Amino acid sequence: MAYRYRCGECGFKTSWGTESQGERAQIAHYTDRHPGLRPGGTVEANTKNPEGGIGCLGILAVLFLLFVLAAACSR
């Protein structure tokens, strides 16, 4: 799953990435732009494309359908 962190003090937002990448980017932003403040804001999770593709189960389903289609056409 991909995550994006938004600053609680300004309009800054990190790019989409892993949770740890976003956290590091947010800490670096607060250190640079808001020294002395504790990092805050919100975290977004990319729910539209959480795995970045159809995954193994999707590939297996497509292969199974192709197998059924091939078996039906060979009769």
Protein backbone atom coordinates (compact mmCIF):
# COMPACT_ATOMS: atom_id res chain seq x y z
CA MET A 1 0.00 0.00 0.00
CA ALA A 2 1.20 3.50 -0.72
CA TYR A 3 1.07 6.35 1.79
CA ARG A 4 1.33 10.14 1.60
CA TYR A 5 1.92 12.41 4.59
CA ARG A 6 0.53 15.94 4.80
CA CYS A 7 2.02 18.64 7.01
CA GLY A 8 -0.20 19.97 9.79
CA GLU A 9 1.33 23.45 9.59
CA CYS A 10 1.44 24.23 5.86
CA GLY A 11 0.43 22.77 2.50
CA PHE A 12 3.39 20.39 2.17
CA LYS A 13 2.70 16.78 1.24
CA THR A 14 5.10 13.93 0.58
CA SER A 15 5.07 11.87 -2.57
CA TRP A 16 3.39 8.45 -2.52
CA GLY A 17 5.64 5.76 -1.08
CA THR A 18 6.05 3.33 1.76
CA GLU A 19 5.01 4.28 5.24
CA SER A 20 8.60 4.63 6.42
CA GLN A 21 9.59 6.78 3.40
CA GLY A 22 6.71 9.16 4.08
CA GLU A 23 7.52 9.36 7.77
CA ARG A 24 11.17 10.18 7.05
CA ALA A 25 10.17 12.85 4.52
CA GLN A 26 7.73 14.41 6.99
CA ILE A 27 10.35 14.49 9.76
CA ALA A 28 12.87 16.08 7.37
CA HIS A 29 10.27 18.68 6.35
CA TYR A 30 9.48 19.59 9.96
CA THR A 31 13.17 19.78 10.83
CA ASP A 32 13.80 22.14 7.91
CA ARG A 33 10.60 24.26 7.82
CA HIS A 34 9.15 24.04 11.34
CA PRO A 35 12.07 23.57 13.76
CA GLY A 36 11.04 22.94 17.33
CA LEU A 37 7.59 21.65 16.41
CA ARG A 38 6.58 18.04 16.75
CA PRO A 39 5.66 16.49 13.35
CA GLY A 40 1.91 16.35 12.84
CA GLY A 41 -0.68 16.34 10.12
CA THR A 42 -2.46 13.53 8.36
CA VAL A 43 -1.59 10.31 6.56
CA GLU A 44 -3.38 9.20 3.40
CA ALA A 45 -3.48 5.62 2.17
CA ASN A 46 -3.88 4.92 -1.54
CA THR A 47 -7.01 2.77 -1.53
CA LYS A 48 -7.68 3.04 -5.26
CA ASN A 49 -4.63 0.96 -6.15
CA PRO A 50 -3.36 -0.57 -2.89
CA GLU A 51 -1.18 -3.27 -4.42
CA GLY A 52 -0.16 -1.60 -7.65
CA GLY A 53 -1.72 -4.28 -9.88
CA ILE A 54 -3.95 -7.32 -10.01
CA GLY A 55 -1.59 -9.48 -7.97
CA CYS A 56 -1.09 -13.23 -7.97
CA LEU A 57 -4.71 -14.12 -7.36
CA GLY A 58 -5.80 -12.08 -10.36
CA ILE A 59 -3.23 -13.74 -12.61
CA LEU A 60 -4.33 -17.19 -11.44
CA ALA A 61 -7.97 -16.30 -12.13
CA VAL A 62 -7.14 -15.18 -15.68
CA LEU A 63 -5.13 -18.36 -16.32
CA PHE A 64 -7.99 -20.50 -14.99
CA LEU A 65 -10.49 -18.75 -17.28
CA LEU A 66 -8.19 -19.27 -20.26
CA PHE A 67 -7.90 -22.96 -19.37
CA VAL A 68 -11.70 -23.31 -19.15
CA LEU A 69 -12.10 -21.51 -22.48
CA ALA A 70 -9.51 -23.76 -24.14
CA ALA A 71 -11.18 -26.88 -22.74
CA ALA A 72 -14.61 -25.73 -23.97
CA CYS A 73 -13.33 -24.98 -27.47
CA SER A 74 -11.59 -28.34 -27.88
CA ARG A 75 -14.86 -30.36 -27.73
